[in-house]
Amino acid sequence: MKGNVEMPLALLEEGEKGIVVEIDEIFFEKEMYSLKNSCETGCIFCRGRRRGERGGLRRLIDMGFEKGKELEMIRNRQGQPLIVRLENSQIAISRGLAMKIYVKKKEEVGA
């Protein structure tokens, strides 16, 4: 890819490095809005949605996905979670979440 263009994390190839530039907060705001508007009776379906979807953005931040952080794509294979090295940890992340994290490829010095 020419230049230093923002792209979803899920599009990095194995071995490529990137810098986190943005997390799609609008997606997570919509997610929380839909949870606030779920039924008032607390049915099993809505309780499961609240438990499963709450705090997706917070979870990413807790794992270390913050603006300016450097990462490396360890494994990016179709139909499997992505494996990303972030600081001293390897993190498995779904392709869906990885599409909400925008990165710029880190160009090697002198390349």
PDB file of N, CA and C in Angstrom:
ATOM      1  N   MET A   1       0.850  -1.178   0.000  1.00  0.00           N
ATOM      2  CA  MET A   1       0.000   0.000   0.000  1.00  0.00           C
ATOM      3  C   MET A   1       0.891   1.234   0.000  1.00  0.00           C
ATOM      4  N   LYS A   2       0.644   2.166  -0.920  1.00  0.00           N
ATOM      5  CA  LYS A   2       1.457   3.374  -1.049  1.00  0.00           C
ATOM      6  C   LYS A   2       1.078   4.370   0.033  1.00  0.00           C
ATOM      7  N   GLY A   3       2.091   5.107   0.503  1.00  0.00           N
ATOM      8  CA  GLY A   3       1.851   6.144   1.493  1.00  0.00           C
ATOM      9  C   GLY A   3       1.535   5.564   2.856  1.00  0.00           C
ATOM     10  N   ASN A   4       1.141   6.456   3.733  1.00  0.00           N
ATOM     11  CA  ASN A   4       0.851   6.049   5.104  1.00  0.00           C
ATOM     12  C   ASN A   4      -0.635   6.272   5.368  1.00  0.00           C
ATOM     13  N   VAL A   5      -1.474   5.444   4.779  1.00  0.00           N
ATOM     14  CA  VAL A   5      -2.921   5.586   4.807  1.00  0.00           C
ATOM     15  C   VAL A   5      -3.512   4.810   5.984  1.00  0.00           C
ATOM     16  N   GLU A   6      -4.547   5.389   6.615  1.00  0.00           N
ATOM     17  CA  GLU A   6      -5.255   4.678   7.672  1.00  0.00           C
ATOM     18  C   GLU A   6      -6.009   3.500   7.074  1.00  0.00           C
ATOM     19  N   MET A   7      -6.023   2.396   7.807  1.00  0.00           N
ATOM     20  CA  MET A   7      -6.729   1.206   7.349  1.00  0.00           C
ATOM     21  C   MET A   7      -7.158   0.403   8.585  1.00  0.00           C
ATOM     22  N   PRO A   8      -8.186  -0.438   8.452  1.00  0.00           N
ATOM     23  CA  PRO A   8      -8.575  -1.286   9.574  1.00  0.00           C
ATOM     24  C   PRO A   8      -7.450  -2.265   9.928  1.00  0.00           C
ATOM     25  N   LEU A   9      -7.300  -2.527  11.203  1.00  0.00           N
ATOM     26  CA  LEU A   9      -6.284  -3.461  11.689  1.00  0.00           C
ATOM     27  C   LEU A   9      -6.387  -4.813  10.998  1.00  0.00           C
ATOM     28  N   ALA A  10      -7.598  -5.254  10.708  1.00  0.00           N
ATOM     29  CA  ALA A  10      -7.814  -6.571  10.105  1.00  0.00           C
ATOM     30  C   ALA A  10      -7.172  -6.701   8.725  1.00  0.00           C
ATOM     31  N   LEU A  11      -6.796  -5.581   8.102  1.00  0.00           N
ATOM     32  CA  LEU A  11      -6.201  -5.631   6.768  1.00  0.00           C
ATOM     33  C   LEU A  11      -4.674  -5.695   6.792  1.00  0.00           C
ATOM     34  N   LEU A  12      -4.063  -5.588   7.971  1.00  0.00           N
ATOM     35  CA  LEU A  12      -2.612  -5.766   8.054  1.00  0.00           C
ATOM     36  C   LEU A  12      -2.285  -7.216   7.748  1.00  0.00           C
ATOM     37  N   GLU A  13      -1.193  -7.435   7.057  1.00  0.00           N
ATOM     38  CA  GLU A  13      -0.760  -8.791   6.762  1.00  0.00           C
ATOM     39  C   GLU A  13       0.167  -9.280   7.862  1.00  0.00           C
ATOM     40  N   GLU A  14       0.327 -10.595   7.935  1.00  0.00           N
ATOM     41  CA  GLU A  14       1.200 -11.183   8.951  1.00  0.00           C
ATOM     42  C   GLU A  14       2.595 -10.582   8.828  1.00  0.00           C
ATOM     43  N   GLY A  15       3.161 -10.191   9.965  1.00  0.00           N
ATOM     44  CA  GLY A  15       4.499  -9.614  10.011  1.00  0.00           C
ATOM     45  C   GLY A  15       4.530  -8.100   9.875  1.00  0.00           C
ATOM     46  N   GLU A  16       3.429  -7.491   9.432  1.00  0.00           N
ATOM     47  CA  GLU A  16       3.413  -6.037   9.290  1.00  0.00           C
ATOM     48  C   GLU A  16       3.186  -5.372  10.645  1.00  0.00           C
ATOM     49  N   LYS A  17       3.765  -4.185  10.783  1.00  0.00           N
ATOM     50  CA  LYS A  17       3.606  -3.394  12.006  1.00  0.00           C
ATOM     51  C   LYS A  17       2.770  -2.171  11.699  1.00  0.00           C
ATOM     52  N   GLY A  18       2.087  -1.693  12.716  1.00  0.00           N
ATOM     53  CA  GLY A  18       1.255  -0.510  12.557  1.00  0.00           C
ATOM     54  C   GLY A  18       1.191   0.291  13.835  1.00  0.00           C
ATOM     55  N   ILE A  19       0.642   1.489  13.723  1.00  0.00           N
ATOM     56  CA  ILE A  19       0.424   2.385  14.845  1.00  0.00           C
ATOM     57  C   ILE A  19      -1.076   2.651  14.918  1.00  0.00           C
ATOM     58  N   VAL A  20      -1.663   2.490  16.096  1.00  0.00           N
ATOM     59  CA  VAL A  20      -3.097   2.754  16.273  1.00  0.00           C
ATOM     60  C   VAL A  20      -3.338   4.258  16.130  1.00  0.00           C
ATOM     61  N   VAL A  21      -4.242   4.629  15.225  1.00  0.00           N
ATOM     62  CA  VAL A  21      -4.556   6.046  15.028  1.00  0.00           C
ATOM     63  C   VAL A  21      -5.979   6.397  15.454  1.00  0.00           C
ATOM     64  N   GLU A  22      -6.872   5.397  15.493  1.00  0.00           N
ATOM     65  CA  GLU A  22      -8.260   5.689  15.836  1.00  0.00           C
ATOM     66  C   GLU A  22      -9.017   4.405  16.143  1.00  0.00           C
ATOM     67  N   ILE A  23      -9.998   4.524  17.031  1.00  0.00           N
ATOM     68  CA  ILE A  23     -10.940   3.440  17.291  1.00  0.00           C
ATOM     69  C   ILE A  23     -12.327   3.987  16.965  1.00  0.00           C
ATOM     70  N   ASP A  24     -13.099   3.256  16.215  1.00  0.00           N
ATOM     71  CA  ASP A  24     -14.416   3.702  15.757  1.00  0.00           C
ATOM     72  C   ASP A  24     -15.366   3.796  16.939  1.00  0.00           C
ATOM     73  N   GLU A  25     -15.343   4.931  17.622  1.00  0.00           N
ATOM     74  CA  GLU A  25     -16.171   5.122  18.817  1.00  0.00           C
ATOM     75  C   GLU A  25     -17.650   5.230  18.465  1.00  0.00           C
ATOM     76  N   ILE A  26     -17.966   5.675  17.258  1.00  0.00           N
ATOM     77  CA  ILE A  26     -19.372   5.794  16.832  1.00  0.00           C
ATOM     78  C   ILE A  26     -20.031   4.420  16.846  1.00  0.00           C
ATOM     79  N   PHE A  27     -19.306   3.385  16.392  1.00  0.00           N
ATOM     80  CA  PHE A  27     -19.832   2.022  16.425  1.00  0.00           C
ATOM     81  C   PHE A  27     -20.212   1.636  17.848  1.00  0.00           C
ATOM     82  N   PHE A  28     -19.335   1.918  18.806  1.00  0.00           N
ATOM     83  CA  PHE A  28     -19.594   1.530  20.185  1.00  0.00           C
ATOM     84  C   PHE A  28     -20.698   2.370  20.823  1.00  0.00           C
ATOM     85  N   GLU A  29     -20.834   3.643  20.409  1.00  0.00           N
ATOM     86  CA  GLU A  29     -21.942   4.456  20.901  1.00  0.00           C
ATOM     87  C   GLU A  29     -23.272   3.891  20.422  1.00  0.00           C
ATOM     88  N   LYS A  30     -23.339   3.465  19.148  1.00  0.00           N
ATOM     89  CA  LYS A  30     -24.564   2.855  18.622  1.00  0.00           C
ATOM     90  C   LYS A  30     -24.877   1.567  19.371  1.00  0.00           C
ATOM     91  N   GLU A  31     -23.835   0.795  19.680  1.00  0.00           N
ATOM     92  CA  GLU A  31     -24.008  -0.458  20.407  1.00  0.00           C
ATOM     93  C   GLU A  31     -24.640  -0.190  21.770  1.00  0.00           C
ATOM     94  N   MET A  32     -24.146   0.825  22.484  1.00  0.00           N
ATOM     95  CA  MET A  32     -24.683   1.130  23.808  1.00  0.00           C
ATOM     96  C   MET A  32     -26.094   1.693  23.698  1.00  0.00           C
ATOM     97  N   TYR A  33     -26.392   2.482  22.655  1.00  0.00           N
ATOM     98  CA  TYR A  33     -27.731   3.019  22.454  1.00  0.00           C
ATOM     99  C   TYR A  33     -28.732   1.879  22.275  1.00  0.00           C
ATOM    100  N   SER A  34     -28.347   0.867  21.492  1.00  0.00           N
ATOM    101  CA  SER A  34     -29.262  -0.244  21.257  1.00  0.00           C
ATOM    102  C   SER A  34     -29.507  -1.024  22.542  1.00  0.00           C
ATOM    103  N   LEU A  35     -28.508  -1.079  23.429  1.00  0.00           N
ATOM    104  CA  LEU A  35     -28.694  -1.779  24.700  1.00  0.00           C
ATOM    105  C   LEU A  35     -29.627  -1.006  25.619  1.00  0.00           C
ATOM    106  N   LYS A  36     -29.519   0.334  25.608  1.00  0.00           N
ATOM    107  CA  LYS A  36     -30.389   1.157  26.448  1.00  0.00           C
ATOM    108  C   LYS A  36     -31.836   1.018  26.014  1.00  0.00           C
ATOM    109  N   ASN A  37     -32.070   0.747  24.742  1.00  0.00           N
ATOM    110  CA  ASN A  37     -33.424   0.656  24.215  1.00  0.00           C
ATOM    111  C   ASN A  37     -33.937  -0.779  24.140  1.00  0.00           C
ATOM    112  N   SER A  38     -33.287  -1.701  24.817  1.00  0.00           N
ATOM    113  CA  SER A  38     -33.801  -3.070  24.841  1.00  0.00           C
ATOM    114  C   SER A  38     -34.994  -3.127  25.801  1.00  0.00           C
ATOM    115  N   CYS A  39     -35.648  -4.244  25.819  1.00  0.00           N
ATOM    116  CA  CYS A  39     -36.903  -4.324  26.573  1.00  0.00           C
ATOM    117  C   CYS A  39     -36.693  -4.093  28.069  1.00  0.00           C
ATOM    118  N   GLU A  40     -37.726  -3.652  28.715  1.00  0.00           N
ATOM    119  CA  GLU A  40     -37.675  -3.337  30.142  1.00  0.00           C
ATOM    120  C   GLU A  40     -37.892  -4.562  31.024  1.00  0.00           C
ATOM    121  N   THR A  41     -38.384  -5.656  30.453  1.00  0.00           N
ATOM    122  CA  THR A  41     -38.715  -6.812  31.286  1.00  0.00           C
ATOM    123  C   THR A  41     -37.481  -7.601  31.679  1.00  0.00           C
ATOM    124  N   GLY A  42     -36.351  -7.353  30.992  1.00  0.00           N
ATOM    125  CA  GLY A  42     -35.131  -8.089  31.332  1.00  0.00           C
ATOM    126  C   GLY A  42     -35.183  -9.525  30.851  1.00  0.00           C
ATOM    127  N   CYS A  43     -35.762  -9.745  29.667  1.00  0.00           N
ATOM    128  CA  CYS A  43     -35.852 -11.107  29.148  1.00  0.00           C
ATOM    129  C   CYS A  43     -34.457 -11.707  28.952  1.00  0.00           C
ATOM    130  N   ILE A  44     -34.398 -12.999  28.807  1.00  0.00           N
ATOM    131  CA  ILE A  44     -33.115 -13.698  28.672  1.00  0.00           C
ATOM    132  C   ILE A  44     -32.327 -13.158  27.489  1.00  0.00           C
ATOM    133  N   PHE A  45     -32.992 -12.877  26.369  1.00  0.00           N
ATOM    134  CA  PHE A  45     -32.293 -12.374  25.183  1.00  0.00           C
ATOM    135  C   PHE A  45     -31.589 -11.047  25.485  1.00  0.00           C
ATOM    136  N   CYS A  46     -32.314 -10.107  26.093  1.00  0.00           N
ATOM    137  CA  CYS A  46     -31.739  -8.778  26.352  1.00  0.00           C
ATOM    138  C   CYS A  46     -30.658  -8.836  27.425  1.00  0.00           C
ATOM    139  N   ARG A  47     -30.829  -9.668  28.432  1.00  0.00           N
ATOM    140  CA  ARG A  47     -29.767  -9.805  29.455  1.00  0.00           C
ATOM    141  C   ARG A  47     -28.500 -10.343  28.814  1.00  0.00           C
ATOM    142  N   GLY A  48     -28.649 -11.302  27.906  1.00  0.00           N
ATOM    143  CA  GLY A  48     -27.488 -11.860  27.214  1.00  0.00           C
ATOM    144  C   GLY A  48     -26.801 -10.824  26.349  1.00  0.00           C
ATOM    145  N   ARG A  49     -27.582  -9.990  25.673  1.00  0.00           N
ATOM    146  CA  ARG A  49     -26.995  -8.927  24.849  1.00  0.00           C
ATOM    147  C   ARG A  49     -26.240  -7.946  25.711  1.00  0.00           C
ATOM    148  N   ARG A  50     -26.817  -7.569  26.838  1.00  0.00           N
ATOM    149  CA  ARG A  50     -26.123  -6.612  27.713  1.00  0.00           C
ATOM    150  C   ARG A  50     -24.800  -7.186  28.191  1.00  0.00           C
ATOM    151  N   ARG A  51     -24.815  -8.436  28.594  1.00  0.00           N
ATOM    152  CA  ARG A  51     -23.608  -9.073  29.116  1.00  0.00           C
ATOM    153  C   ARG A  51     -22.569  -9.234  28.012  1.00  0.00           C
ATOM    154  N   GLY A  52     -23.005  -9.591  26.802  1.00  0.00           N
ATOM    155  CA  GLY A  52     -22.070  -9.875  25.724  1.00  0.00           C
ATOM    156  C   GLY A  52     -21.527  -8.639  25.021  1.00  0.00           C
ATOM    157  N   GLU A  53     -22.298  -7.550  24.977  1.00  0.00           N
ATOM    158  CA  GLU A  53     -21.888  -6.406  24.175  1.00  0.00           C
ATOM    159  C   GLU A  53     -21.390  -5.228  24.991  1.00  0.00           C
ATOM    160  N   ARG A  54     -21.699  -5.197  26.261  1.00  0.00           N
ATOM    161  CA  ARG A  54     -21.356  -4.040  27.066  1.00  0.00           C
ATOM    162  C   ARG A  54     -19.851  -3.864  27.154  1.00  0.00           C
ATOM    163  N   GLY A  55     -19.415  -2.648  26.962  1.00  0.00           N
ATOM    164  CA  GLY A  55     -18.023  -2.327  27.215  1.00  0.00           C
ATOM    165  C   GLY A  55     -17.041  -2.792  26.169  1.00  0.00           C
ATOM    166  N   GLY A  56     -17.461  -2.938  24.906  1.00  0.00           N
ATOM    167  CA  GLY A  56     -16.519  -3.351  23.871  1.00  0.00           C
ATOM    168  C   GLY A  56     -15.370  -2.372  23.741  1.00  0.00           C
ATOM    169  N   LEU A  57     -15.672  -1.077  23.743  1.00  0.00           N
ATOM    170  CA  LEU A  57     -14.637  -0.052  23.649  1.00  0.00           C
ATOM    171  C   LEU A  57     -13.742  -0.101  24.887  1.00  0.00           C
ATOM    172  N   ARG A  58     -14.361  -0.213  26.046  1.00  0.00           N
ATOM    173  CA  ARG A  58     -13.587  -0.272  27.292  1.00  0.00           C
ATOM    174  C   ARG A  58     -12.666  -1.492  27.286  1.00  0.00           C
ATOM    175  N   ARG A  59     -13.161  -2.611  26.759  1.00  0.00           N
ATOM    176  CA  ARG A  59     -12.361  -3.835  26.706  1.00  0.00           C
ATOM    177  C   ARG A  59     -11.136  -3.639  25.814  1.00  0.00           C
ATOM    178  N   LEU A  60     -11.331  -2.979  24.660  1.00  0.00           N
ATOM    179  CA  LEU A  60     -10.200  -2.706  23.770  1.00  0.00           C
ATOM    180  C   LEU A  60      -9.159  -1.829  24.451  1.00  0.00           C
ATOM    181  N   ILE A  61      -9.615  -0.804  25.126  1.00  0.00           N
ATOM    182  CA  ILE A  61      -8.694   0.097  25.823  1.00  0.00           C
ATOM    183  C   ILE A  61      -7.974  -0.644  26.939  1.00  0.00           C
ATOM    184  N   ASP A  62      -8.696  -1.482  27.676  1.00  0.00           N
ATOM    185  CA  ASP A  62      -8.072  -2.262  28.751  1.00  0.00           C
ATOM    186  C   ASP A  62      -7.006  -3.219  28.219  1.00  0.00           C
ATOM    187  N   MET A  63      -7.196  -3.717  26.984  1.00  0.00           N
ATOM    188  CA  MET A  63      -6.201  -4.610  26.385  1.00  0.00           C
ATOM    189  C   MET A  63      -4.983  -3.838  25.880  1.00  0.00           C
ATOM    190  N   GLY A  64      -5.099  -2.507  25.804  1.00  0.00           N
ATOM    191  CA  GLY A  64      -3.961  -1.698  25.389  1.00  0.00           C
ATOM    192  C   GLY A  64      -4.093  -1.034  24.042  1.00  0.00           C
ATOM    193  N   PHE A  65      -5.246  -1.177  23.379  1.00  0.00           N
ATOM    194  CA  PHE A  65      -5.447  -0.548  22.078  1.00  0.00           C
ATOM    195  C   PHE A  65      -5.773   0.931  22.273  1.00  0.00           C
ATOM    196  N   GLU A  66      -4.730   1.755  22.262  1.00  0.00           N
ATOM    197  CA  GLU A  66      -4.882   3.192  22.424  1.00  0.00           C
ATOM    198  C   GLU A  66      -4.159   3.899  21.297  1.00  0.00           C
ATOM    199  N   LYS A  67      -4.571   5.120  20.999  1.00  0.00           N
ATOM    200  CA  LYS A  67      -3.928   5.898  19.950  1.00  0.00           C
ATOM    201  C   LYS A  67      -2.434   6.011  20.224  1.00  0.00           C
ATOM    202  N   GLY A  68      -1.653   5.804  19.171  1.00  0.00           N
ATOM    203  CA  GLY A  68      -0.206   5.935  19.281  1.00  0.00           C
ATOM    204  C   GLY A  68       0.531   4.653  19.632  1.00  0.00           C
ATOM    205  N   LYS A  69      -0.195   3.594  20.011  1.00  0.00           N
ATOM    206  CA  LYS A  69       0.453   2.328  20.368  1.00  0.00           C
ATOM    207  C   LYS A  69       0.896   1.585  19.120  1.00  0.00           C
ATOM    208  N   GLU A  70       2.084   1.016  19.193  1.00  0.00           N
ATOM    209  CA  GLU A  70       2.614   0.211  18.088  1.00  0.00           C
ATOM    210  C   GLU A  70       2.192  -1.235  18.286  1.00  0.00           C
ATOM    211  N   LEU A  71       1.872  -1.894  17.180  1.00  0.00           N
ATOM    212  CA  LEU A  71       1.491  -3.299  17.236  1.00  0.00           C
ATOM    213  C   LEU A  71       2.039  -4.033  16.033  1.00  0.00           C
ATOM    214  N   GLU A  72       1.989  -5.360  16.091  1.00  0.00           N
ATOM    215  CA  GLU A  72       2.438  -6.196  14.981  1.00  0.00           C
ATOM    216  C   GLU A  72       1.425  -7.309  14.764  1.00  0.00           C
ATOM    217  N   MET A  73       1.095  -7.557  13.496  1.00  0.00           N
ATOM    218  CA  MET A  73       0.173  -8.635  13.165  1.00  0.00           C
ATOM    219  C   MET A  73       0.955  -9.950  13.169  1.00  0.00           C
ATOM    220  N   ILE A  74       0.606 -10.839  14.068  1.00  0.00           N
ATOM    221  CA  ILE A  74       1.268 -12.135  14.177  1.00  0.00           C
ATOM    222  C   ILE A  74       0.578 -13.159  13.271  1.00  0.00           C
ATOM    223  N   ARG A  75      -0.768 -13.219  13.373  1.00  0.00           N
ATOM    224  CA  ARG A  75      -1.500 -14.178  12.542  1.00  0.00           C
ATOM    225  C   ARG A  75      -2.792 -13.535  12.043  1.00  0.00           C
ATOM    226  N   ASN A  76      -3.001 -13.649  10.735  1.00  0.00           N
ATOM    227  CA  ASN A  76      -4.210 -13.117  10.108  1.00  0.00           C
ATOM    228  C   ASN A  76      -4.662 -14.131   9.070  1.00  0.00           C
ATOM    229  N   ARG A  77      -5.457 -15.086   9.517  1.00  0.00           N
ATOM    230  CA  ARG A  77      -5.943 -16.145   8.632  1.00  0.00           C
ATOM    231  C   ARG A  77      -7.460 -16.130   8.616  1.00  0.00           C
ATOM    232  N   GLN A  78      -8.001 -16.355   7.431  1.00  0.00           N
ATOM    233  CA  GLN A  78      -9.455 -16.344   7.244  1.00  0.00           C
ATOM    234  C   GLN A  78     -10.140 -17.322   8.187  1.00  0.00           C
ATOM    235  N   GLY A  79     -11.213 -16.870   8.814  1.00  0.00           N
ATOM    236  CA  GLY A  79     -12.017 -17.747   9.656  1.00  0.00           C
ATOM    237  C   GLY A  79     -11.447 -17.989  11.042  1.00  0.00           C
ATOM    238  N   GLN A  80     -10.381 -17.295  11.417  1.00  0.00           N
ATOM    239  CA  GLN A  80      -9.773 -17.454  12.741  1.00  0.00           C
ATOM    240  C   GLN A  80      -9.589 -16.082  13.379  1.00  0.00           C
ATOM    241  N   PRO A  81      -9.522 -16.039  14.704  1.00  0.00           N
ATOM    242  CA  PRO A  81      -9.218 -14.751  15.345  1.00  0.00           C
ATOM    243  C   PRO A  81      -7.836 -14.271  14.914  1.00  0.00           C
ATOM    244  N   LEU A  82      -7.674 -12.972  14.905  1.00  0.00           N
ATOM    245  CA  LEU A  82      -6.377 -12.384  14.605  1.00  0.00           C
ATOM    246  C   LEU A  82      -5.516 -12.448  15.863  1.00  0.00           C
ATOM    247  N   ILE A  83      -4.225 -12.638  15.695  1.00  0.00           N
ATOM    248  CA  ILE A  83      -3.290 -12.586  16.811  1.00  0.00           C
ATOM    249  C   ILE A  83      -2.406 -11.368  16.591  1.00  0.00           C
ATOM    250  N   VAL A  84      -2.405 -10.469  17.567  1.00  0.00           N
ATOM    251  CA  VAL A  84      -1.681  -9.213  17.463  1.00  0.00           C
ATOM    252  C   VAL A  84      -0.714  -9.117  18.641  1.00  0.00           C
ATOM    253  N   ARG A  85       0.518  -8.677  18.362  1.00  0.00           N
ATOM    254  CA  ARG A  85       1.463  -8.393  19.452  1.00  0.00           C
ATOM    255  C   ARG A  85       1.331  -6.920  19.776  1.00  0.00           C
ATOM    256  N   LEU A  86       1.030  -6.639  21.032  1.00  0.00           N
ATOM    257  CA  LEU A  86       0.870  -5.280  21.525  1.00  0.00           C
ATOM    258  C   LEU A  86       1.701  -5.176  22.788  1.00  0.00           C
ATOM    259  N   GLU A  87       2.747  -4.373  22.734  1.00  0.00           N
ATOM    260  CA  GLU A  87       3.734  -4.294  23.795  1.00  0.00           C
ATOM    261  C   GLU A  87       4.332  -5.689  24.006  1.00  0.00           C
ATOM    262  N   ASN A  88       4.222  -6.263  25.168  1.00  0.00           N
ATOM    263  CA  ASN A  88       4.824  -7.571  25.438  1.00  0.00           C
ATOM    264  C   ASN A  88       3.802  -8.700  25.445  1.00  0.00           C
ATOM    265  N   SER A  89       2.623  -8.451  24.905  1.00  0.00           N
ATOM    266  CA  SER A  89       1.554  -9.446  24.941  1.00  0.00           C
ATOM    267  C   SER A  89       1.105  -9.812  23.536  1.00  0.00           C
ATOM    268  N   GLN A  90       0.630 -11.034  23.392  1.00  0.00           N
ATOM    269  CA  GLN A  90      -0.049 -11.444  22.167  1.00  0.00           C
ATOM    270  C   GLN A  90      -1.531 -11.533  22.498  1.00  0.00           C
ATOM    271  N   ILE A  91      -2.339 -10.864  21.684  1.00  0.00           N
ATOM    272  CA  ILE A  91      -3.768 -10.748  21.959  1.00  0.00           C
ATOM    273  C   ILE A  91      -4.556 -11.321  20.791  1.00  0.00           C
ATOM    274  N   ALA A  92      -5.531 -12.161  21.095  1.00  0.00           N
ATOM    275  CA  ALA A  92      -6.453 -12.667  20.081  1.00  0.00           C
ATOM    276  C   ALA A  92      -7.644 -11.712  20.032  1.00  0.00           C
ATOM    277  N   ILE A  93      -8.025 -11.331  18.818  1.00  0.00           N
ATOM    278  CA  ILE A  93      -9.119 -10.379  18.653  1.00  0.00           C
ATOM    279  C   ILE A  93      -9.954 -10.807  17.439  1.00  0.00           C
ATOM    280  N   SER A  94     -11.245 -10.641  17.540  1.00  0.00           N
ATOM    281  CA  SER A  94     -12.111 -11.029  16.422  1.00  0.00           C
ATOM    282  C   SER A  94     -11.892 -10.088  15.239  1.00  0.00           C
ATOM    283  N   ARG A  95     -12.170 -10.592  14.054  1.00  0.00           N
ATOM    284  CA  ARG A  95     -12.038  -9.782  12.843  1.00  0.00           C
ATOM    285  C   ARG A  95     -12.999  -8.591  12.910  1.00  0.00           C
ATOM    286  N   GLY A  96     -14.189  -8.802  13.473  1.00  0.00           N
ATOM    287  CA  GLY A  96     -15.159  -7.704  13.586  1.00  0.00           C
ATOM    288  C   GLY A  96     -14.627  -6.554  14.420  1.00  0.00           C
ATOM    289  N   LEU A  97     -14.051  -6.850  15.579  1.00  0.00           N
ATOM    290  CA  LEU A  97     -13.468  -5.797  16.401  1.00  0.00           C
ATOM    291  C   LEU A  97     -12.262  -5.173  15.708  1.00  0.00           C
ATOM    292  N   ALA A  98     -11.455  -5.996  15.040  1.00  0.00           N
ATOM    293  CA  ALA A  98     -10.258  -5.486  14.363  1.00  0.00           C
ATOM    294  C   ALA A  98     -10.633  -4.527  13.233  1.00  0.00           C
ATOM    295  N   MET A  99     -11.831  -4.649  12.689  1.00  0.00           N
ATOM    296  CA  MET A  99     -12.270  -3.722  11.648  1.00  0.00           C
ATOM    297  C   MET A  99     -12.637  -2.358  12.232  1.00  0.00           C
ATOM    298  N   LYS A 100     -12.779  -2.257  13.538  1.00  0.00           N
ATOM    299  CA  LYS A 100     -13.129  -0.992  14.197  1.00  0.00           C
ATOM    300  C   LYS A 100     -11.899  -0.250  14.705  1.00  0.00           C
ATOM    301  N   ILE A 101     -10.718  -0.849  14.554  1.00  0.00           N
ATOM    302  CA  ILE A 101      -9.463  -0.236  14.993  1.00  0.00           C
ATOM    303  C   ILE A 101      -8.700   0.179  13.733  1.00  0.00           C
ATOM    304  N   TYR A 102      -8.390   1.465  13.626  1.00  0.00           N
ATOM    305  CA  TYR A 102      -7.691   1.961  12.445  1.00  0.00           C
ATOM    306  C   TYR A 102      -6.215   2.184  12.770  1.00  0.00           C
ATOM    307  N   VAL A 103      -5.367   1.745  11.845  1.00  0.00           N
ATOM    308  CA  VAL A 103      -3.923   1.835  12.028  1.00  0.00           C
ATOM    309  C   VAL A 103      -3.279   2.444  10.783  1.00  0.00           C
ATOM    310  N   LYS A 104      -2.062   2.919  10.956  1.00  0.00           N
ATOM    311  CA  LYS A 104      -1.195   3.285   9.837  1.00  0.00           C
ATOM    312  C   LYS A 104      -0.042   2.310   9.867  1.00  0.00           C
ATOM    313  N   LYS A 105       0.319   1.805   8.690  1.00  0.00           N
ATOM    314  CA  LYS A 105       1.457   0.907   8.627  1.00  0.00           C
ATOM    315  C   LYS A 105       2.700   1.658   9.087  1.00  0.00           C
ATOM    316  N   LYS A 106       3.513   0.955   9.857  1.00  0.00           N
ATOM    317  CA  LYS A 106       4.764   1.538  10.301  1.00  0.00           C
ATOM    318  C   LYS A 106       5.809   1.217   9.243  1.00  0.00           C
ATOM    319  N   GLU A 107       6.307   2.253   8.610  1.00  0.00           N
ATOM    320  CA  GLU A 107       7.333   2.073   7.588  1.00  0.00           C
ATOM    321  C   GLU A 107       8.682   1.920   8.261  1.00  0.00           C
ATOM    322  N   GLU A 108       9.457   0.985   7.777  1.00  0.00           N
ATOM    323  CA  GLU A 108      10.797   0.780   8.323  1.00  0.00           C
ATOM    324  C   GLU A 108      11.668   1.982   7.962  1.00  0.00           C
ATOM    325  N   VAL A 109      12.540   2.380   8.877  1.00  0.00           N
ATOM    326  CA  VAL A 109      13.426   3.511   8.656  1.00  0.00           C
ATOM    327  C   VAL A 109      14.327   3.216   7.458  1.00  0.00           C
ATOM    328  N   GLY A 110      14.412   4.153   6.523  1.00  0.00           N
ATOM    329  CA  GLY A 110      15.251   3.992   5.345  1.00  0.00           C
ATOM    330  C   GLY A 110      14.588   3.237   4.226  1.00  0.00           C
ATOM    331  N   ALA A 111      13.327   2.839   4.397  1.00  0.00           N
ATOM    332  CA  ALA A 111      12.661   2.065   3.332  1.00  0.00           C
ATOM    333  C   ALA A 111      12.050   2.984   2.310  1.00  0.00           C
TER     334      ALA A 111
END
